[in-house]
Amino acid sequence: MNYCSQCGSRVSVWIPEGDDRPRFICDRCNKIHYQNPKMVVGCIPEWEDRILLCKRSIEPKSGKWTLPAGYLENGETVIDGAIRETVEEAGARVEMLEPYALMSIAYISQIYLIFRARLSDTDFAPGKESLEVKLFSEEEIPWDDLAFIVVRETLQRYFKDRPNGLFPVQTGTITRPKTL
């Protein structure tokens, strides 16, 4: 950040009084510009014993598989965001959303919230950000072609919980991989 969004003056980085970390602060109007993690929301869309995955058409990780998910918009509830992302990426309608995974990804300043959801029907198609969408059984999951570590971790936990039919909310922290 170089300029204040309030008055347009240059900003500096320093620790404000009473705070514990450096912030962007306007040199003229003294507005503190807080930067907070981004919230990513999405779904594990279920149909019978299969789940819906999307093959990404955009970077990062174009050509890799993921759950339908993306950034929460301002003024949007987490459920509305998860539904919107599922429609945008997979053309799929979901219902009965239940929180499933809440993961911290501090090294990229993201919080990841995934819901379990039931597909309303099997009428789905790739959106602008997807090359392909497909239902997968557990045995068919393209584990080596998943886009993100957090998706792998979420799906591993999901398939571990599924035989019991109990899906407690999963929490965790995704750490920086050794190589990005």
Foldseek 3Di string as FASTA:
>chain_A
DAADPVPGAGWDWDADPPGDGIFTAHPPPRDTDDDAFWEKEAEQEDDPQWTKWFQFCDPDQHRFIFGQMDTDDPPDDRVRRHQVSCCQAKVWGWDDWDWFEWEAAPVRRYTYTYTYTYTPDPPIFGHPGGPGMDIDHPVRPPLVRHRDPVRNVRVVLVVVCVVVPDGDHHYYYDYDDPPD
